[in-house]
Amino acid sequence: MSSSKIAITLESEMLAEIDALVKKRVFPNRSRAIQAAIKEKLSRLNQSILAQECAKLDPEFEKALAEEGLTEDLSEWPEY
């Protein structure tokens, strides 16, 4: 995956925390620390969006939809 350089502005305290993590060798450098933070945040946002969309579903309707035509098809399924 290709990378691009960007310029960002961080509060001094936040940068100090990142530098402390780099010093403790939690991350190899500032870039990796910031990349990990952004990746985690994007993942959480995507999970939140998925949860919001799932909450909109009607369980009874979804169950009925999943079972639609199931009784007809059961006779055609092989026995195990």
N, C-alpha and C. Protein backbone atom coordinates (compact mmCIF):
# COMPACT_ATOMS: atom_id res chain seq x y z
N MET A 1 0.85 -1.17 0.00
CA MET A 1 0.00 0.00 0.00
C MET A 1 0.90 1.23 0.00
N SER A 2 0.58 2.17 -0.81
CA SER A 2 1.41 3.37 -0.88
C SER A 2 1.06 4.32 0.27
N SER A 3 2.02 5.14 0.61
CA SER A 3 1.84 6.10 1.70
C SER A 3 2.01 7.51 1.16
N SER A 4 1.39 8.45 1.84
CA SER A 4 1.51 9.86 1.48
C SER A 4 1.91 10.63 2.72
N LYS A 5 2.75 11.62 2.51
CA LYS A 5 3.14 12.49 3.62
C LYS A 5 2.12 13.61 3.74
N ILE A 6 1.77 13.91 5.00
CA ILE A 6 0.86 15.02 5.27
C ILE A 6 1.41 15.81 6.44
N ALA A 7 0.94 17.00 6.60
CA ALA A 7 1.30 17.81 7.76
C ALA A 7 0.09 17.89 8.68
N ILE A 8 0.31 17.67 9.97
CA ILE A 8 -0.77 17.77 10.94
C ILE A 8 -0.33 18.66 12.10
N THR A 9 -1.31 19.15 12.82
CA THR A 9 -1.04 19.95 14.00
C THR A 9 -1.59 19.21 15.21
N LEU A 10 -0.75 19.03 16.23
CA LEU A 10 -1.16 18.35 17.45
C LEU A 10 -0.90 19.25 18.64
N GLU A 11 -1.71 19.06 19.68
CA GLU A 11 -1.47 19.77 20.92
C GLU A 11 -0.16 19.25 21.53
N SER A 12 0.54 20.10 22.22
CA SER A 12 1.84 19.75 22.80
C SER A 12 1.75 18.54 23.71
N GLU A 13 0.69 18.48 24.53
CA GLU A 13 0.53 17.37 25.46
C GLU A 13 0.35 16.04 24.71
N MET A 14 -0.41 16.08 23.63
CA MET A 14 -0.64 14.87 22.85
C MET A 14 0.67 14.40 22.21
N LEU A 15 1.44 15.33 21.68
CA LEU A 15 2.71 14.98 21.07
C LEU A 15 3.66 14.41 22.11
N ALA A 16 3.62 14.95 23.32
CA ALA A 16 4.47 14.43 24.40
C ALA A 16 4.09 12.99 24.73
N GLU A 17 2.79 12.69 24.73
CA GLU A 17 2.34 11.31 24.99
C GLU A 17 2.82 10.37 23.88
N ILE A 18 2.72 10.82 22.65
CA ILE A 18 3.18 10.00 21.52
C ILE A 18 4.68 9.77 21.64
N ASP A 19 5.42 10.81 21.93
CA ASP A 19 6.88 10.67 22.08
C ASP A 19 7.24 9.72 23.22
N ALA A 20 6.45 9.74 24.29
CA ALA A 20 6.70 8.82 25.41
C ALA A 20 6.49 7.37 24.96
N LEU A 21 5.47 7.13 24.15
CA LEU A 21 5.23 5.78 23.65
C LEU A 21 6.35 5.33 22.72
N VAL A 22 6.84 6.25 21.92
CA VAL A 22 7.96 5.92 21.03
C VAL A 22 9.21 5.62 21.87
N LYS A 23 9.44 6.41 22.90
CA LYS A 23 10.60 6.21 23.77
C LYS A 23 10.52 4.85 24.46
N LYS A 24 9.29 4.42 24.83
CA LYS A 24 9.10 3.11 25.47
C LYS A 24 9.10 1.97 24.45
N ARG A 25 9.27 2.34 23.20
CA ARG A 25 9.30 1.37 22.08
C ARG A 25 7.96 0.67 21.86
N VAL A 26 6.87 1.34 22.25
CA VAL A 26 5.54 0.82 21.93
C VAL A 26 5.32 0.96 20.42
N PHE A 27 5.82 2.06 19.87
CA PHE A 27 5.80 2.32 18.42
C PHE A 27 7.21 2.66 17.98
N PRO A 28 7.56 2.33 16.74
CA PRO A 28 8.92 2.64 16.28
C PRO A 28 9.16 4.13 16.05
N ASN A 29 8.08 4.86 15.76
CA ASN A 29 8.22 6.29 15.50
C ASN A 29 6.86 6.98 15.61
N ARG A 30 6.87 8.29 15.52
CA ARG A 30 5.63 9.07 15.62
C ARG A 30 4.64 8.68 14.53
N SER A 31 5.14 8.50 13.34
CA SER A 31 4.28 8.18 12.20
C SER A 31 3.46 6.92 12.46
N ARG A 32 4.14 5.89 12.93
CA ARG A 32 3.44 4.62 13.19
C ARG A 32 2.42 4.78 14.31
N ALA A 33 2.75 5.55 15.32
CA ALA A 33 1.82 5.78 16.42
C ALA A 33 0.56 6.48 15.92
N ILE A 34 0.73 7.49 15.12
CA ILE A 34 -0.42 8.24 14.59
C ILE A 34 -1.22 7.38 13.62
N GLN A 35 -0.53 6.59 12.79
CA GLN A 35 -1.23 5.68 11.87
C GLN A 35 -2.09 4.69 12.65
N ALA A 36 -1.55 4.12 13.73
CA ALA A 36 -2.30 3.15 14.53
C ALA A 36 -3.52 3.81 15.16
N ALA A 37 -3.36 5.02 15.63
CA ALA A 37 -4.49 5.73 16.25
C ALA A 37 -5.59 6.01 15.24
N ILE A 38 -5.21 6.44 14.06
CA ILE A 38 -6.20 6.73 13.02
C ILE A 38 -6.89 5.45 12.56
N LYS A 39 -6.11 4.38 12.39
CA LYS A 39 -6.69 3.10 11.96
C LYS A 39 -7.71 2.60 12.98
N GLU A 40 -7.36 2.70 14.27
CA GLU A 40 -8.28 2.26 15.32
C GLU A 40 -9.55 3.11 15.33
N LYS A 41 -9.40 4.41 15.18
CA LYS A 41 -10.57 5.31 15.18
C LYS A 41 -11.48 5.01 13.99
N LEU A 42 -10.90 4.82 12.81
CA LEU A 42 -11.71 4.51 11.62
C LEU A 42 -12.44 3.19 11.80
N SER A 43 -11.77 2.21 12.40
CA SER A 43 -12.41 0.92 12.64
C SER A 43 -13.60 1.07 13.59
N ARG A 44 -13.42 1.84 14.65
CA ARG A 44 -14.52 2.06 15.60
C ARG A 44 -15.68 2.80 14.95
N LEU A 45 -15.37 3.78 14.12
CA LEU A 45 -16.44 4.51 13.42
C LEU A 45 -17.21 3.58 12.49
N ASN A 46 -16.50 2.73 11.77
CA ASN A 46 -17.16 1.80 10.86
C ASN A 46 -18.02 0.80 11.62
N GLN A 47 -17.54 0.33 12.76
CA GLN A 47 -18.34 -0.60 13.58
C GLN A 47 -19.58 0.10 14.12
N SER A 48 -19.42 1.35 14.49
CA SER A 48 -20.54 2.12 15.02
C SER A 48 -21.61 2.32 13.94
N ILE A 49 -21.17 2.61 12.73
CA ILE A 49 -22.12 2.79 11.62
C ILE A 49 -22.86 1.48 11.35
N LEU A 50 -22.14 0.36 11.37
CA LEU A 50 -22.77 -0.94 11.17
C LEU A 50 -23.78 -1.23 12.27
N ALA A 51 -23.42 -0.93 13.52
CA ALA A 51 -24.34 -1.15 14.64
C ALA A 51 -25.59 -0.29 14.49
N GLN A 52 -25.43 0.95 14.05
CA GLN A 52 -26.58 1.83 13.87
C GLN A 52 -27.50 1.28 12.78
N GLU A 53 -26.94 0.79 11.70
CA GLU A 53 -27.76 0.23 10.62
C GLU A 53 -28.45 -1.05 11.07
N CYS A 54 -27.75 -1.90 11.83
CA CYS A 54 -28.36 -3.14 12.33
C CYS A 54 -29.51 -2.84 13.29
N ALA A 55 -29.38 -1.78 14.06
CA ALA A 55 -30.43 -1.42 15.02
C ALA A 55 -31.71 -1.01 14.31
N LYS A 56 -31.61 -0.60 13.06
CA LYS A 56 -32.78 -0.20 12.29
C LYS A 56 -33.59 -1.40 11.79
N LEU A 57 -32.98 -2.58 11.81
CA LEU A 57 -33.64 -3.77 11.28
C LEU A 57 -34.76 -4.24 12.21
N ASP A 58 -35.80 -4.77 11.62
CA ASP A 58 -36.91 -5.36 12.37
C ASP A 58 -36.66 -6.86 12.46
N PRO A 59 -36.36 -7.37 13.65
CA PRO A 59 -36.02 -8.79 13.79
C PRO A 59 -37.10 -9.74 13.26
N GLU A 60 -38.35 -9.42 13.50
CA GLU A 60 -39.43 -10.30 13.04
C GLU A 60 -39.47 -10.33 11.51
N PHE A 61 -39.32 -9.18 10.88
CA PHE A 61 -39.33 -9.11 9.43
C PHE A 61 -38.14 -9.87 8.86
N GLU A 62 -36.96 -9.69 9.46
CA GLU A 62 -35.76 -10.36 8.98
C GLU A 62 -35.89 -11.87 9.11
N LYS A 63 -36.49 -12.33 10.21
CA LYS A 63 -36.69 -13.77 10.41
C LYS A 63 -37.66 -14.31 9.37
N ALA A 64 -38.75 -13.60 9.15
CA ALA A 64 -39.74 -14.04 8.15
C ALA A 64 -39.11 -14.08 6.76
N LEU A 65 -38.30 -13.09 6.47
CA LEU A 65 -37.64 -13.04 5.17
C LEU A 65 -36.67 -14.21 5.00
N ALA A 66 -35.93 -14.51 6.06
CA ALA A 66 -34.97 -15.62 6.01
C ALA A 66 -35.68 -16.96 5.86
N GLU A 67 -36.86 -17.09 6.45
CA GLU A 67 -37.58 -18.36 6.42
C GLU A 67 -38.52 -18.47 5.23
N GLU A 68 -38.63 -17.41 4.45
CA GLU A 68 -39.55 -17.42 3.32
C GLU A 68 -39.19 -18.54 2.35
N GLY A 69 -40.13 -19.39 2.08
CA GLY A 69 -39.92 -20.48 1.14
C GLY A 69 -39.11 -21.63 1.71
N LEU A 70 -38.74 -21.56 2.97
CA LEU A 70 -37.91 -22.58 3.57
C LEU A 70 -38.64 -23.92 3.67
N THR A 71 -39.93 -23.88 3.96
CA THR A 71 -40.67 -25.13 4.13
C THR A 71 -40.73 -25.90 2.83
N GLU A 72 -40.85 -25.21 1.72
CA GLU A 72 -40.89 -25.90 0.43
C GLU A 72 -39.55 -26.54 0.11
N ASP A 73 -38.49 -25.85 0.44
CA ASP A 73 -37.15 -26.32 0.09
C ASP A 73 -36.66 -27.46 0.98
N LEU A 74 -37.21 -27.59 2.19
CA LEU A 74 -36.72 -28.61 3.11
C LEU A 74 -36.87 -30.01 2.55
N SER A 75 -37.92 -30.25 1.81
CA SER A 75 -38.14 -31.59 1.28
C SER A 75 -37.10 -31.94 0.21
N GLU A 76 -36.49 -30.94 -0.38
CA GLU A 76 -35.51 -31.18 -1.44
C GLU A 76 -34.10 -31.32 -0.89
N TRP A 77 -33.89 -31.03 0.38
CA TRP A 77 -32.55 -31.11 0.96
C TRP A 77 -32.19 -32.55 1.24
N PRO A 78 -30.96 -32.92 1.01
CA PRO A 78 -30.55 -34.30 1.33
C PRO A 78 -30.45 -34.50 2.84
N GLU A 79 -30.69 -35.72 3.27
CA GLU A 79 -30.58 -36.03 4.69
C GLU A 79 -29.13 -36.36 5.01
N TYR A 80 -28.70 -35.95 6.18
CA TYR A 80 -27.31 -36.22 6.59
C TYR A 80 -27.29 -37.12 7.78
